Amino acid sequence: MRDYNNLISAITMPLRIMRLPISPAGYPVPWFVQFFEKGVPTDFGSGEPDFRVADARKLIRAIKESRCWICGDMLGRNKTFTIGPMCAINRVISEPPQHRECSIFSAMACPFLTKPRMRRNENDLPEQRVEAPGAPIKRNPGAVCVWTTRTFKPFKVQGGILFSLGDPTETLWFAEGRSATRDEVLASIDSGYPLLLDMAKREGHRAVEELQHQRQQAMLLLPAG
């Protein structure tokens, strides 16, 4: 039995998370993660996990069976998404919903989300890896939003499925594994918004106007100053 990494030992761990396998580095392995044995995909829990690769079969199950993307258990009425500030603006995400407590734990424990300077390691990626659909912004957001809603809608795009988020019933912001300040969230928005703006400009004037409106709406959801 592997022990949990000391970096997450002080974080309250939901029972659902405690039932997940533990990686060699001491982190719970989310339900969506693909395991490999000598480079060959295996069933969940068999072999070693590659956190960079999602098991494509889990996406369909998560949608059809209303399962949490992180723990794999059934979801209730409320659905929560772990998103970056840019997704809080355009309200589109490539990952299915989660339990609120699973999402909060991810925002506090995931190494990529809690270390703003960390970059995605894309060396020696398995051939089975499928790129996220849409136009994902491949950067560390620095700040993370736990977005809870009662409505969302999956929709097909070239290369896969995306999720449109309904109005939130709650938004919680995190940075470096703790509650984020308003200035931290603003800094993340300021650094990422030009990327969204460039994409909108390629679509035309109406897309730019819509994006500006979306940003104004997102600003109402930021932590108090």
Protein backbone atom coordinates (compact mmCIF):
# COMPACT_ATOMS: atom_id res chain seq x y z
CA MET A 1 0.00 0.00 0.00
CA ARG A 2 1.49 3.31 -1.07
CA ASP A 3 1.46 6.32 1.21
CA TYR A 4 0.09 9.72 0.26
CA ASN A 5 2.50 12.47 -0.68
CA ASN A 6 3.39 14.74 2.24
CA LEU A 7 2.30 17.76 0.20
CA ILE A 8 -1.34 16.67 0.43
CA SER A 9 -1.33 15.01 3.86
CA ALA A 10 -2.89 18.05 5.54
CA ILE A 11 -5.76 18.38 3.03
CA THR A 12 -9.12 16.90 3.98
CA MET A 13 -9.67 14.03 1.57
CA PRO A 14 -13.22 13.02 0.61
CA LEU A 15 -14.03 9.34 1.16
CA ARG A 16 -14.69 9.01 -2.55
CA ILE A 17 -11.13 10.14 -3.25
CA MET A 18 -9.70 7.81 -0.61
CA ARG A 19 -11.06 4.83 -2.56
CA LEU A 20 -8.97 5.69 -5.61
CA PRO A 21 -5.58 4.07 -6.35
CA ILE A 22 -2.44 5.93 -5.25
CA SER A 23 0.18 6.86 -7.82
CA PRO A 24 3.92 6.17 -7.37
CA ALA A 25 4.29 9.85 -6.45
CA GLY A 26 1.68 9.51 -3.69
CA TYR A 27 -1.34 11.18 -5.32
CA PRO A 28 -4.86 9.76 -5.75
CA VAL A 29 -5.40 8.71 -9.36
CA PRO A 30 -8.60 10.23 -10.81
CA TRP A 31 -11.12 7.85 -12.34
CA PHE A 32 -10.59 9.27 -15.83
CA VAL A 33 -6.84 8.55 -15.93
CA GLN A 34 -5.55 5.85 -18.30
CA PHE A 35 -3.28 3.14 -16.88
CA PHE A 36 -0.54 1.48 -18.95
CA GLU A 37 1.48 -1.72 -18.76
CA LYS A 38 4.64 -1.60 -20.89
CA GLY A 39 3.08 1.08 -23.08
CA VAL A 40 -0.19 -0.80 -23.58
CA PRO A 41 -3.45 0.64 -22.17
CA THR A 42 -4.89 -1.43 -19.33
CA ASP A 43 -7.93 -1.35 -17.08
CA PHE A 44 -8.14 1.23 -14.31
CA GLY A 45 -5.80 0.37 -11.44
CA SER A 46 -3.74 -2.14 -13.44
CA GLY A 47 -0.21 -1.01 -14.30
CA GLU A 48 0.94 2.57 -13.88
CA PRO A 49 -1.18 5.70 -14.44
CA ASP A 50 -0.36 8.46 -16.91
CA PHE A 51 -2.14 11.58 -15.61
CA ARG A 52 -1.74 13.25 -19.01
CA VAL A 53 -3.94 10.67 -20.74
CA ALA A 54 -7.69 10.29 -20.25
CA ASP A 55 -9.34 6.93 -20.83
CA ALA A 56 -11.62 7.69 -23.79
CA ARG A 57 -14.15 5.12 -22.58
CA LYS A 58 -14.69 7.08 -19.38
CA LEU A 59 -15.94 10.17 -21.20
CA ILE A 60 -18.93 8.32 -22.63
CA ARG A 61 -19.68 6.67 -19.29
CA ALA A 62 -19.41 9.99 -17.44
CA ILE A 63 -22.02 11.53 -19.75
CA LYS A 64 -24.42 8.60 -20.09
CA GLU A 65 -24.25 7.43 -16.47
CA SER A 66 -23.81 10.85 -14.82
CA ARG A 67 -20.55 9.88 -13.13
CA CYS A 68 -18.00 12.15 -11.48
CA TRP A 69 -14.98 12.68 -13.73
CA ILE A 70 -12.66 12.45 -10.72
CA CYS A 71 -13.99 9.67 -8.48
CA GLY A 72 -16.32 7.79 -10.83
CA ASP A 73 -19.29 7.74 -8.42
CA MET A 74 -22.78 8.86 -9.40
CA LEU A 75 -23.52 12.58 -9.36
CA GLY A 76 -26.48 14.33 -7.77
CA ARG A 77 -28.47 17.35 -8.90
CA ASN A 78 -25.58 19.79 -8.56
CA LYS A 79 -22.68 19.49 -10.98
CA THR A 80 -19.26 21.04 -10.38
CA PHE A 81 -16.48 21.82 -12.84
CA THR A 82 -12.83 22.63 -12.13
CA ILE A 83 -12.00 25.38 -14.61
CA GLY A 84 -9.54 28.13 -15.35
CA PRO A 85 -10.51 31.81 -15.56
CA MET A 86 -10.80 31.71 -19.36
CA CYS A 87 -13.43 28.97 -19.07
CA ALA A 88 -15.22 31.13 -16.50
CA ILE A 89 -15.44 33.76 -19.23
CA ASN A 90 -16.60 31.68 -22.20
CA ARG A 91 -18.28 29.02 -20.03
CA VAL A 92 -16.96 26.14 -22.11
CA ILE A 93 -14.87 23.24 -20.78
CA SER A 94 -13.63 19.94 -22.22
CA GLU A 95 -14.04 17.84 -19.06
CA PRO A 96 -17.28 16.43 -17.59
CA PRO A 97 -18.68 17.48 -14.20
CA GLN A 98 -17.58 16.34 -10.77
CA HIS A 99 -18.76 16.28 -7.19
CA ARG A 100 -18.19 19.59 -5.42
CA GLU A 101 -15.91 18.01 -2.82
CA CYS A 102 -13.91 16.18 -5.50
CA SER A 103 -13.45 19.40 -7.43
CA ILE A 104 -12.34 21.31 -4.33
CA PHE A 105 -9.85 18.59 -3.48
CA SER A 106 -8.42 18.74 -7.01
CA ALA A 107 -8.04 22.51 -6.80
CA MET A 108 -6.14 22.12 -3.53
CA ALA A 109 -4.07 19.00 -4.29
CA CYS A 110 -3.38 18.66 -8.02
CA PRO A 111 0.30 19.56 -8.61
CA PHE A 112 -0.40 21.26 -11.92
CA LEU A 113 -3.19 23.41 -10.45
CA THR A 114 -1.36 24.32 -7.24
CA LYS A 115 2.01 25.23 -8.77
CA PRO A 116 1.60 28.21 -11.11
CA ARG A 117 5.06 27.80 -12.65
CA MET A 118 4.55 24.14 -13.52
CA ARG A 119 4.26 23.36 -17.24
CA ARG A 120 2.61 20.37 -18.86
CA ASN A 121 5.08 17.62 -19.65
CA GLU A 122 4.35 16.48 -23.20
CA ASN A 123 7.48 14.39 -23.68
CA ASP A 124 6.99 10.77 -24.71
CA LEU A 125 3.22 10.99 -24.77
CA PRO A 126 1.52 7.65 -25.53
CA GLU A 127 0.21 7.22 -29.07
CA GLN A 128 -3.24 6.53 -27.62
CA ARG A 129 -3.54 10.05 -26.25
CA VAL A 130 -6.34 12.09 -27.82
CA GLU A 131 -6.06 15.87 -27.93
CA ALA A 132 -8.79 17.80 -26.17
CA PRO A 133 -11.39 19.13 -28.63
CA GLY A 134 -11.97 22.78 -29.36
CA ALA A 135 -9.17 25.29 -28.97
CA PRO A 136 -7.70 24.62 -25.51
CA ILE A 137 -5.32 27.19 -24.04
CA LYS A 138 -2.28 25.19 -23.00
CA ARG A 139 -1.00 27.20 -20.07
CA ASN A 140 -0.99 26.98 -16.33
CA PRO A 141 -3.87 29.27 -15.33
CA GLY A 142 -2.40 30.17 -11.93
CA ALA A 143 -5.93 30.52 -10.51
CA VAL A 144 -8.68 27.91 -10.57
CA CYS A 145 -12.44 28.22 -10.26
CA VAL A 146 -14.67 25.54 -8.74
CA TRP A 147 -17.90 26.23 -10.63
CA THR A 148 -21.10 24.60 -9.34
CA THR A 149 -24.24 24.66 -11.46
CA ARG A 150 -27.46 22.76 -11.95
CA THR A 151 -27.34 22.97 -15.72
CA PHE A 152 -24.81 22.13 -18.39
CA LYS A 153 -24.98 20.90 -21.94
CA PRO A 154 -22.58 18.65 -23.85
CA PHE A 155 -22.19 19.51 -27.52
CA LYS A 156 -20.24 17.96 -30.35
CA VAL A 157 -17.35 19.72 -32.04
CA GLN A 158 -14.71 18.52 -34.44
CA GLY A 159 -12.57 16.08 -32.52
CA GLY A 160 -14.88 15.37 -29.62
CA ILE A 161 -17.31 16.82 -27.07
CA LEU A 162 -17.29 20.06 -25.10
CA PHE A 163 -19.51 21.19 -22.23
CA SER A 164 -21.40 24.47 -22.00
CA LEU A 165 -21.79 25.61 -18.39
CA GLY A 166 -25.01 26.99 -16.98
CA ASP A 167 -25.23 29.88 -14.54
CA PRO A 168 -23.35 29.06 -11.34
CA THR A 169 -25.00 28.56 -7.98
CA GLU A 170 -21.54 28.95 -6.40
CA THR A 171 -18.02 29.86 -7.50
CA LEU A 172 -14.95 29.22 -5.36
CA TRP A 173 -11.52 30.45 -6.43
CA PHE A 174 -8.19 28.83 -5.57
CA ALA A 175 -4.51 29.61 -6.13
CA GLU A 176 -1.55 27.57 -4.94
CA GLY A 177 -3.90 25.19 -3.14
CA ARG A 178 -5.68 27.82 -1.03
CA SER A 179 -8.40 30.43 -1.46
CA ALA A 180 -7.36 32.89 -4.16
CA THR A 181 -7.33 36.64 -3.75
CA ARG A 182 -9.09 38.90 -6.19
CA ASP A 183 -5.74 40.22 -7.42
CA GLU A 184 -4.52 36.69 -8.19
CA VAL A 185 -7.61 35.93 -10.25
CA LEU A 186 -7.36 39.28 -12.05
CA ALA A 187 -3.72 38.59 -12.90
CA SER A 188 -4.68 35.26 -14.41
CA ILE A 189 -7.47 36.85 -16.44
CA ASP A 190 -5.21 39.62 -17.69
CA SER A 191 -2.58 37.13 -18.83
CA GLY A 192 -4.99 34.77 -20.58
CA TYR A 193 -7.66 37.08 -22.00
CA PRO A 194 -5.56 38.26 -24.97
CA LEU A 195 -5.51 34.65 -26.20
CA LEU A 196 -9.31 34.51 -26.17
CA LEU A 197 -9.49 37.93 -27.78
CA ASP A 198 -7.23 36.86 -30.65
CA MET A 199 -9.52 33.90 -31.35
CA ALA A 200 -12.60 36.14 -31.24
CA LYS A 201 -11.04 38.64 -33.64
CA ARG A 202 -10.57 35.89 -36.20
CA GLU A 203 -14.32 35.21 -36.01
CA GLY A 204 -15.34 38.84 -36.46
CA HIS A 205 -16.75 41.89 -34.71
CA ARG A 206 -19.77 40.15 -33.18
CA ALA A 207 -17.57 37.51 -31.58
CA VAL A 208 -15.44 40.25 -30.01
CA GLU A 209 -18.51 42.01 -28.62
CA GLU A 210 -19.83 38.74 -27.19
CA LEU A 211 -16.50 37.98 -25.57
CA GLN A 212 -16.39 41.44 -23.99
CA HIS A 213 -19.87 40.85 -22.57
CA GLN A 214 -18.82 37.44 -21.25
CA ARG A 215 -15.84 38.99 -19.51
CA GLN A 216 -18.03 41.57 -17.84
CA GLN A 217 -20.31 38.81 -16.55
CA ALA A 218 -17.35 36.78 -15.28
CA MET A 219 -15.98 39.76 -13.36
CA LEU A 220 -19.09 39.63 -11.17
CA LEU A 221 -18.05 36.16 -9.98
CA LEU A 222 -14.57 37.08 -8.74
CA PRO A 223 -13.62 36.98 -5.03
CA ALA A 224 -14.26 40.16 -3.07
CA GLY A 225 -11.37 42.59 -2.92
